[in-house]
Amino acid sequence: MKALIPSHKERKRYLLLKGNDLKKQVDSAIKDFVGSLGLAEASPKWIKKGILSVNRNSLDKVRASFAVWPEKIEVLRVSGTLEGFGK
């Protein structure tokens, strides 16, 4: 299979998150707020502990879902690259 050209690749944003039991809570929060289709569009993927990758177009919906979720999920920082978080 041929590789995608850069203009057809999915643009991502990386979120630095803070909270309890994040792996379970993040999927539930997004799914409850925007539904299954919204979860698929956001395509959240865990990069490292506390760093989540999401689709750029769904960033506002993901942040809103964390704001209305009863458990505290705090977005400490949003970056376009992993190097933006430093070491």
N, C-alpha and C. Protein backbone atom coordinates (compact mmCIF):
# COMPACT_ATOMS: atom_id res chain seq x y z
N MET A 1 0.84 -1.17 0.00
CA MET A 1 0.00 0.00 0.00
C MET A 1 0.89 1.24 0.00
N LYS A 2 0.50 2.20 -0.78
CA LYS A 2 1.26 3.43 -0.92
C LYS A 2 1.01 4.35 0.27
N ALA A 3 2.03 5.05 0.71
CA ALA A 3 1.90 5.99 1.83
C ALA A 3 1.06 7.20 1.43
N LEU A 4 0.38 7.77 2.40
CA LEU A 4 -0.43 8.96 2.15
C LEU A 4 0.46 10.19 1.98
N ILE A 5 0.02 11.09 1.13
CA ILE A 5 0.75 12.34 0.99
C ILE A 5 0.45 13.19 2.23
N PRO A 6 1.34 14.09 2.60
CA PRO A 6 1.16 14.86 3.84
C PRO A 6 -0.17 15.60 3.95
N SER A 7 -0.71 16.09 2.87
CA SER A 7 -1.96 16.84 2.94
C SER A 7 -3.17 15.95 3.24
N HIS A 8 -3.03 14.64 3.10
CA HIS A 8 -4.14 13.72 3.38
C HIS A 8 -4.02 13.05 4.74
N LYS A 9 -2.94 13.30 5.46
CA LYS A 9 -2.77 12.70 6.77
C LYS A 9 -3.62 13.43 7.81
N GLU A 10 -3.98 12.69 8.86
CA GLU A 10 -4.78 13.26 9.93
C GLU A 10 -3.91 14.20 10.77
N ARG A 11 -4.39 15.41 11.00
CA ARG A 11 -3.67 16.36 11.84
C ARG A 11 -4.01 16.06 13.29
N LYS A 12 -3.03 16.05 14.16
CA LYS A 12 -3.24 15.68 15.56
C LYS A 12 -2.83 16.80 16.49
N ARG A 13 -3.43 16.78 17.68
CA ARG A 13 -3.01 17.63 18.78
C ARG A 13 -2.78 16.71 19.97
N TYR A 14 -1.83 17.09 20.80
CA TYR A 14 -1.47 16.29 21.95
C TYR A 14 -1.89 17.03 23.21
N LEU A 15 -2.60 16.32 24.10
CA LEU A 15 -3.10 16.91 25.34
C LEU A 15 -2.37 16.29 26.52
N LEU A 16 -1.90 17.12 27.42
CA LEU A 16 -1.32 16.66 28.67
C LEU A 16 -2.43 16.70 29.71
N LEU A 17 -2.80 15.53 30.23
CA LEU A 17 -3.95 15.40 31.11
C LEU A 17 -3.53 15.06 32.53
N LYS A 18 -4.40 15.46 33.46
CA LYS A 18 -4.19 15.15 34.87
C LYS A 18 -5.53 14.72 35.46
N GLY A 19 -5.51 13.60 36.19
CA GLY A 19 -6.74 13.10 36.80
C GLY A 19 -6.54 11.69 37.30
N ASN A 20 -7.61 11.12 37.84
CA ASN A 20 -7.58 9.75 38.35
C ASN A 20 -8.14 8.78 37.32
N ASP A 21 -7.47 7.64 37.14
CA ASP A 21 -7.93 6.56 36.26
C ASP A 21 -8.26 7.10 34.86
N LEU A 22 -7.30 7.79 34.26
CA LEU A 22 -7.53 8.49 33.00
C LEU A 22 -7.92 7.58 31.85
N LYS A 23 -7.29 6.43 31.72
CA LYS A 23 -7.56 5.56 30.56
C LYS A 23 -9.04 5.20 30.47
N LYS A 24 -9.66 4.94 31.59
CA LYS A 24 -11.06 4.55 31.60
C LYS A 24 -11.97 5.78 31.48
N GLN A 25 -11.63 6.85 32.15
CA GLN A 25 -12.49 8.03 32.23
C GLN A 25 -12.54 8.81 30.92
N VAL A 26 -11.43 8.89 30.21
CA VAL A 26 -11.37 9.69 28.98
C VAL A 26 -12.33 9.15 27.94
N ASP A 27 -12.29 7.85 27.68
CA ASP A 27 -13.18 7.27 26.68
C ASP A 27 -14.64 7.44 27.08
N SER A 28 -14.95 7.25 28.35
CA SER A 28 -16.32 7.41 28.82
C SER A 28 -16.80 8.85 28.69
N ALA A 29 -15.94 9.79 29.03
CA ALA A 29 -16.31 11.21 28.96
C ALA A 29 -16.60 11.63 27.52
N ILE A 30 -15.74 11.25 26.60
CA ILE A 30 -15.94 11.63 25.20
C ILE A 30 -17.17 10.95 24.63
N LYS A 31 -17.33 9.66 24.92
CA LYS A 31 -18.47 8.92 24.38
C LYS A 31 -19.79 9.45 24.92
N ASP A 32 -19.86 9.81 26.20
CA ASP A 32 -21.09 10.34 26.76
C ASP A 32 -21.45 11.71 26.20
N PHE A 33 -20.43 12.52 25.89
CA PHE A 33 -20.70 13.88 25.42
C PHE A 33 -20.99 13.95 23.93
N VAL A 34 -20.20 13.27 23.10
CA VAL A 34 -20.36 13.38 21.65
C VAL A 34 -20.81 12.09 20.99
N GLY A 35 -20.93 11.00 21.74
CA GLY A 35 -21.43 9.75 21.19
C GLY A 35 -20.34 8.92 20.53
N SER A 36 -20.75 7.80 20.00
CA SER A 36 -19.81 6.86 19.39
C SER A 36 -19.16 7.44 18.14
N LEU A 37 -19.93 8.14 17.33
CA LEU A 37 -19.39 8.73 16.11
C LEU A 37 -18.37 9.82 16.44
N GLY A 38 -18.66 10.62 17.45
CA GLY A 38 -17.72 11.66 17.88
C GLY A 38 -16.44 11.07 18.44
N LEU A 39 -16.56 9.94 19.15
CA LEU A 39 -15.38 9.25 19.66
C LEU A 39 -14.53 8.73 18.51
N ALA A 40 -15.17 8.21 17.49
CA ALA A 40 -14.44 7.71 16.32
C ALA A 40 -13.77 8.86 15.56
N GLU A 41 -14.44 10.00 15.45
CA GLU A 41 -13.85 11.15 14.75
C GLU A 41 -12.66 11.71 15.52
N ALA A 42 -12.75 11.73 16.85
CA ALA A 42 -11.66 12.26 17.67
C ALA A 42 -10.45 11.34 17.64
N SER A 43 -10.68 10.05 17.48
CA SER A 43 -9.66 9.00 17.45
C SER A 43 -8.58 9.20 18.52
N PRO A 44 -8.99 9.15 19.80
CA PRO A 44 -8.00 9.34 20.87
C PRO A 44 -7.05 8.15 20.98
N LYS A 45 -5.77 8.45 21.12
CA LYS A 45 -4.75 7.41 21.28
C LYS A 45 -3.79 7.85 22.38
N TRP A 46 -3.46 6.92 23.28
CA TRP A 46 -2.51 7.21 24.35
C TRP A 46 -1.10 7.10 23.82
N ILE A 47 -0.32 8.16 23.98
CA ILE A 47 1.07 8.18 23.55
C ILE A 47 1.98 7.77 24.70
N LYS A 48 1.87 8.45 25.80
CA LYS A 48 2.61 8.16 27.02
C LYS A 48 1.63 8.32 28.17
N LYS A 49 2.09 8.07 29.37
CA LYS A 49 1.21 8.23 30.53
C LYS A 49 0.83 9.71 30.66
N GLY A 50 -0.45 9.98 30.53
CA GLY A 50 -0.95 11.34 30.68
C GLY A 50 -0.97 12.15 29.39
N ILE A 51 -0.46 11.61 28.28
CA ILE A 51 -0.46 12.34 27.01
C ILE A 51 -1.39 11.63 26.03
N LEU A 52 -2.38 12.36 25.55
CA LEU A 52 -3.40 11.82 24.66
C LEU A 52 -3.32 12.53 23.32
N SER A 53 -3.39 11.77 22.24
CA SER A 53 -3.40 12.32 20.89
C SER A 53 -4.84 12.31 20.38
N VAL A 54 -5.30 13.45 19.85
CA VAL A 54 -6.66 13.53 19.28
C VAL A 54 -6.61 14.26 17.95
N ASN A 55 -7.65 14.08 17.16
CA ASN A 55 -7.78 14.76 15.88
C ASN A 55 -7.95 16.26 16.12
N ARG A 56 -7.28 17.06 15.31
CA ARG A 56 -7.31 18.52 15.48
C ARG A 56 -8.71 19.09 15.37
N ASN A 57 -9.53 18.56 14.48
CA ASN A 57 -10.87 19.10 14.28
C ASN A 57 -11.80 18.80 15.44
N SER A 58 -11.49 17.80 16.25
CA SER A 58 -12.34 17.42 17.37
C SER A 58 -11.83 17.93 18.71
N LEU A 59 -10.81 18.75 18.72
CA LEU A 59 -10.18 19.19 19.96
C LEU A 59 -11.17 19.92 20.87
N ASP A 60 -11.97 20.83 20.32
CA ASP A 60 -12.92 21.58 21.14
C ASP A 60 -13.97 20.67 21.77
N LYS A 61 -14.44 19.67 21.03
CA LYS A 61 -15.43 18.74 21.57
C LYS A 61 -14.83 17.89 22.68
N VAL A 62 -13.59 17.49 22.52
CA VAL A 62 -12.92 16.67 23.54
C VAL A 62 -12.73 17.48 24.81
N ARG A 63 -12.27 18.72 24.68
CA ARG A 63 -12.08 19.56 25.87
C ARG A 63 -13.41 19.86 26.56
N ALA A 64 -14.47 20.06 25.78
CA ALA A 64 -15.79 20.30 26.36
C ALA A 64 -16.30 19.07 27.11
N SER A 65 -16.02 17.89 26.58
CA SER A 65 -16.46 16.67 27.25
C SER A 65 -15.76 16.50 28.59
N PHE A 66 -14.49 16.92 28.69
CA PHE A 66 -13.78 16.86 29.97
C PHE A 66 -14.35 17.88 30.96
N ALA A 67 -14.82 19.02 30.45
CA ALA A 67 -15.35 20.07 31.32
C ALA A 67 -16.68 19.67 31.96
N VAL A 68 -17.52 18.94 31.25
CA VAL A 68 -18.83 18.56 31.79
C VAL A 68 -18.81 17.21 32.50
N TRP A 69 -17.73 16.48 32.42
CA TRP A 69 -17.63 15.17 33.07
C TRP A 69 -17.57 15.35 34.59
N PRO A 70 -18.33 14.54 35.36
CA PRO A 70 -18.37 14.72 36.82
C PRO A 70 -17.02 14.53 37.51
N GLU A 71 -16.22 13.59 37.06
CA GLU A 71 -14.89 13.41 37.64
C GLU A 71 -13.96 14.47 37.04
N LYS A 72 -12.96 14.86 37.79
CA LYS A 72 -12.07 15.93 37.33
C LYS A 72 -11.03 15.38 36.36
N ILE A 73 -11.08 15.85 35.11
CA ILE A 73 -10.05 15.59 34.11
C ILE A 73 -9.55 16.96 33.68
N GLU A 74 -8.33 17.25 34.01
CA GLU A 74 -7.77 18.58 33.76
C GLU A 74 -6.82 18.54 32.57
N VAL A 75 -7.00 19.46 31.63
CA VAL A 75 -6.09 19.59 30.49
C VAL A 75 -5.04 20.62 30.90
N LEU A 76 -3.81 20.15 31.11
CA LEU A 76 -2.74 21.04 31.54
C LEU A 76 -2.14 21.82 30.37
N ARG A 77 -2.06 21.15 29.21
CA ARG A 77 -1.43 21.80 28.06
C ARG A 77 -1.86 21.11 26.77
N VAL A 78 -1.92 21.87 25.70
CA VAL A 78 -2.20 21.34 24.36
C VAL A 78 -1.05 21.76 23.47
N SER A 79 -0.55 20.79 22.68
CA SER A 79 0.58 21.08 21.81
C SER A 79 0.38 20.40 20.46
N GLY A 80 1.01 20.94 19.44
CA GLY A 80 0.95 20.35 18.11
C GLY A 80 2.02 19.30 17.91
N THR A 81 3.02 19.27 18.77
CA THR A 81 4.10 18.27 18.67
C THR A 81 4.40 17.73 20.06
N LEU A 82 4.97 16.56 20.10
CA LEU A 82 5.36 15.97 21.39
C LEU A 82 6.53 16.72 22.00
N GLU A 83 7.36 17.33 21.17
CA GLU A 83 8.50 18.10 21.68
C GLU A 83 8.04 19.33 22.44
N GLY A 84 6.80 19.75 22.23
CA GLY A 84 6.26 20.92 22.91
C GLY A 84 6.11 20.73 24.41
N PHE A 85 6.12 19.48 24.87
CA PHE A 85 5.99 19.22 26.30
C PHE A 85 7.32 19.22 27.01
N GLY A 86 8.41 19.23 26.28
CA GLY A 86 9.74 19.22 26.91
C GLY A 86 10.05 17.86 27.50
N LYS A 87 11.12 17.79 28.21
CA LYS A 87 11.53 16.50 28.80
C LYS A 87 11.17 16.43 30.24
